[in-house]
Amino acid sequence: MTTRNVLTLHIRREKEVNVFCPRCGLVVPPNTKCIPSPTRPEVHYHAACMYAMVEQLRRPILWA
């Protein structure tokens, strides 16, 4: 039996103002798709930044 680490991330619409994406350093505008960090609730990523980071780590994205 093999063990896999699976992290489930939820895409949602940003509700807060002036939230910065730590990957690119730009503001995530309100009502824009974002992915909250699973470990730090105050950090939100642009969806494209998260996808780029996952690709850079050479990890597959499994859509649920």
N, C-alpha and C. Protein backbone atom coordinates (compact mmCIF):
# COMPACT_ATOMS: atom_id res chain seq x y z
N MET A 1 0.84 -1.18 0.00
CA MET A 1 0.00 0.00 0.00
C MET A 1 0.89 1.25 0.00
N THR A 2 0.59 2.19 -0.86
CA THR A 2 1.36 3.42 -0.93
C THR A 2 0.63 4.53 -0.21
N THR A 3 1.39 5.43 0.36
CA THR A 3 0.82 6.57 1.08
C THR A 3 0.98 7.81 0.22
N ARG A 4 -0.10 8.57 0.08
CA ARG A 4 -0.04 9.81 -0.68
C ARG A 4 -0.43 10.96 0.22
N ASN A 5 0.27 12.06 0.05
CA ASN A 5 -0.12 13.28 0.74
C ASN A 5 -1.02 14.06 -0.20
N VAL A 6 -2.25 14.24 0.20
CA VAL A 6 -3.20 14.97 -0.62
C VAL A 6 -3.65 16.19 0.17
N LEU A 7 -3.54 17.33 -0.47
CA LEU A 7 -3.96 18.58 0.14
C LEU A 7 -5.14 19.12 -0.65
N THR A 8 -6.24 19.35 0.01
CA THR A 8 -7.43 19.86 -0.64
C THR A 8 -7.49 21.37 -0.44
N LEU A 9 -7.50 22.10 -1.54
CA LEU A 9 -7.58 23.55 -1.50
C LEU A 9 -8.89 23.99 -2.13
N HIS A 10 -9.53 24.96 -1.53
CA HIS A 10 -10.82 25.42 -2.02
C HIS A 10 -10.66 26.80 -2.66
N ILE A 11 -11.15 26.92 -3.87
CA ILE A 11 -11.16 28.22 -4.54
C ILE A 11 -12.41 28.95 -4.10
N ARG A 12 -12.23 30.20 -3.71
CA ARG A 12 -13.38 31.00 -3.28
C ARG A 12 -13.20 32.42 -3.77
N ARG A 13 -14.18 33.23 -3.55
CA ARG A 13 -14.10 34.65 -3.92
C ARG A 13 -13.59 35.45 -2.73
N GLU A 14 -12.65 36.32 -3.00
CA GLU A 14 -12.06 37.15 -1.93
C GLU A 14 -13.11 38.12 -1.42
N LYS A 15 -13.23 38.22 -0.10
CA LYS A 15 -14.18 39.15 0.52
C LYS A 15 -13.49 40.32 1.18
N GLU A 16 -12.22 40.15 1.54
CA GLU A 16 -11.48 41.18 2.24
C GLU A 16 -10.82 42.15 1.25
N VAL A 17 -10.42 43.30 1.74
CA VAL A 17 -9.68 44.25 0.91
C VAL A 17 -8.23 44.28 1.37
N ASN A 18 -7.35 44.62 0.45
CA ASN A 18 -5.92 44.74 0.73
C ASN A 18 -5.28 43.46 1.25
N VAL A 19 -5.68 42.32 0.70
CA VAL A 19 -5.04 41.05 1.03
C VAL A 19 -3.98 40.80 -0.03
N PHE A 20 -2.75 40.55 0.40
CA PHE A 20 -1.64 40.35 -0.53
C PHE A 20 -1.38 38.87 -0.77
N CYS A 21 -1.04 38.55 -2.00
CA CYS A 21 -0.61 37.20 -2.36
C CYS A 21 0.88 37.12 -2.04
N PRO A 22 1.31 36.17 -1.20
CA PRO A 22 2.72 36.10 -0.84
C PRO A 22 3.62 35.66 -1.99
N ARG A 23 3.07 35.02 -3.00
CA ARG A 23 3.90 34.55 -4.12
C ARG A 23 4.31 35.68 -5.02
N CYS A 24 3.37 36.54 -5.40
CA CYS A 24 3.68 37.62 -6.35
C CYS A 24 3.75 38.99 -5.68
N GLY A 25 3.21 39.12 -4.47
CA GLY A 25 3.27 40.39 -3.75
C GLY A 25 2.22 41.39 -4.16
N LEU A 26 1.29 41.00 -5.03
CA LEU A 26 0.23 41.90 -5.48
C LEU A 26 -1.02 41.71 -4.64
N VAL A 27 -1.88 42.70 -4.66
CA VAL A 27 -3.15 42.64 -3.93
C VAL A 27 -4.10 41.69 -4.64
N VAL A 28 -4.81 40.89 -3.86
CA VAL A 28 -5.89 40.06 -4.39
C VAL A 28 -7.15 40.90 -4.29
N PRO A 29 -7.68 41.41 -5.42
CA PRO A 29 -8.83 42.30 -5.35
C PRO A 29 -10.07 41.60 -4.80
N PRO A 30 -10.96 42.35 -4.15
CA PRO A 30 -12.21 41.76 -3.69
C PRO A 30 -13.00 41.18 -4.85
N ASN A 31 -13.74 40.13 -4.58
CA ASN A 31 -14.59 39.43 -5.54
C ASN A 31 -13.79 38.76 -6.65
N THR A 32 -12.52 38.41 -6.36
CA THR A 32 -11.65 37.70 -7.29
C THR A 32 -11.43 36.30 -6.76
N LYS A 33 -11.26 35.33 -7.65
CA LYS A 33 -10.99 33.97 -7.20
C LYS A 33 -9.65 33.92 -6.49
N CYS A 34 -9.63 33.26 -5.34
CA CYS A 34 -8.41 33.12 -4.56
C CYS A 34 -8.43 31.77 -3.87
N ILE A 35 -7.26 31.39 -3.34
CA ILE A 35 -7.13 30.14 -2.60
C ILE A 35 -6.53 30.47 -1.24
N PRO A 36 -7.29 30.33 -0.17
CA PRO A 36 -6.74 30.58 1.16
C PRO A 36 -5.66 29.55 1.50
N SER A 37 -4.64 29.99 2.19
CA SER A 37 -3.57 29.09 2.61
C SER A 37 -4.13 28.09 3.63
N PRO A 38 -3.78 26.82 3.49
CA PRO A 38 -4.29 25.84 4.46
C PRO A 38 -3.63 25.97 5.84
N THR A 39 -2.48 26.63 5.91
CA THR A 39 -1.77 26.72 7.18
C THR A 39 -1.83 28.10 7.81
N ARG A 40 -2.08 29.14 7.00
CA ARG A 40 -2.13 30.51 7.52
C ARG A 40 -3.40 31.19 7.02
N PRO A 41 -4.41 31.32 7.85
CA PRO A 41 -5.70 31.84 7.39
C PRO A 41 -5.66 33.28 6.89
N GLU A 42 -4.65 34.06 7.28
CA GLU A 42 -4.59 35.45 6.83
C GLU A 42 -3.95 35.59 5.44
N VAL A 43 -3.44 34.50 4.88
CA VAL A 43 -2.77 34.53 3.58
C VAL A 43 -3.68 33.94 2.52
N HIS A 44 -3.84 34.67 1.42
CA HIS A 44 -4.63 34.20 0.29
C HIS A 44 -3.79 34.31 -0.97
N TYR A 45 -3.84 33.29 -1.83
CA TYR A 45 -3.08 33.26 -3.07
C TYR A 45 -4.00 33.53 -4.26
N HIS A 46 -3.46 34.21 -5.28
CA HIS A 46 -4.16 34.23 -6.56
C HIS A 46 -4.21 32.77 -7.03
N ALA A 47 -5.27 32.38 -7.69
CA ALA A 47 -5.38 31.00 -8.17
C ALA A 47 -4.23 30.68 -9.12
N ALA A 48 -3.88 31.60 -10.02
CA ALA A 48 -2.80 31.36 -10.99
C ALA A 48 -1.46 31.20 -10.27
N CYS A 49 -1.23 31.94 -9.20
CA CYS A 49 0.02 31.83 -8.45
C CYS A 49 0.12 30.45 -7.78
N MET A 50 -0.98 29.96 -7.25
CA MET A 50 -0.96 28.65 -6.62
C MET A 50 -0.70 27.56 -7.65
N TYR A 51 -1.35 27.65 -8.82
CA TYR A 51 -1.12 26.67 -9.88
C TYR A 51 0.34 26.68 -10.31
N ALA A 52 0.93 27.86 -10.46
CA ALA A 52 2.33 27.97 -10.87
C ALA A 52 3.26 27.35 -9.82
N MET A 53 2.95 27.56 -8.55
CA MET A 53 3.77 27.00 -7.48
C MET A 53 3.69 25.47 -7.50
N VAL A 54 2.50 24.93 -7.71
CA VAL A 54 2.33 23.47 -7.75
C VAL A 54 3.09 22.89 -8.95
N GLU A 55 3.02 23.55 -10.09
CA GLU A 55 3.75 23.08 -11.26
C GLU A 55 5.25 23.14 -11.03
N GLN A 56 5.72 24.19 -10.36
CA GLN A 56 7.14 24.33 -10.07
C GLN A 56 7.63 23.20 -9.16
N LEU A 57 6.77 22.74 -8.26
CA LEU A 57 7.10 21.63 -7.38
C LEU A 57 6.94 20.28 -8.07
N ARG A 58 6.45 20.31 -9.31
CA ARG A 58 6.23 19.09 -10.11
C ARG A 58 5.28 18.12 -9.41
N ARG A 59 4.19 18.67 -8.90
CA ARG A 59 3.15 17.88 -8.26
C ARG A 59 1.92 17.90 -9.13
N PRO A 60 1.22 16.80 -9.25
CA PRO A 60 -0.01 16.79 -10.03
C PRO A 60 -1.15 17.47 -9.27
N ILE A 61 -2.05 18.06 -10.01
CA ILE A 61 -3.26 18.63 -9.43
C ILE A 61 -4.38 17.62 -9.69
N LEU A 62 -4.99 17.16 -8.64
CA LEU A 62 -6.11 16.23 -8.76
C LEU A 62 -7.38 16.99 -8.48
N TRP A 63 -8.23 17.09 -9.47
CA TRP A 63 -9.48 17.83 -9.33
C TRP A 63 -10.54 16.93 -8.71
N ALA A 64 -11.19 17.41 -7.68
CA ALA A 64 -12.22 16.62 -7.00
C ALA A 64 -13.58 16.97 -7.56
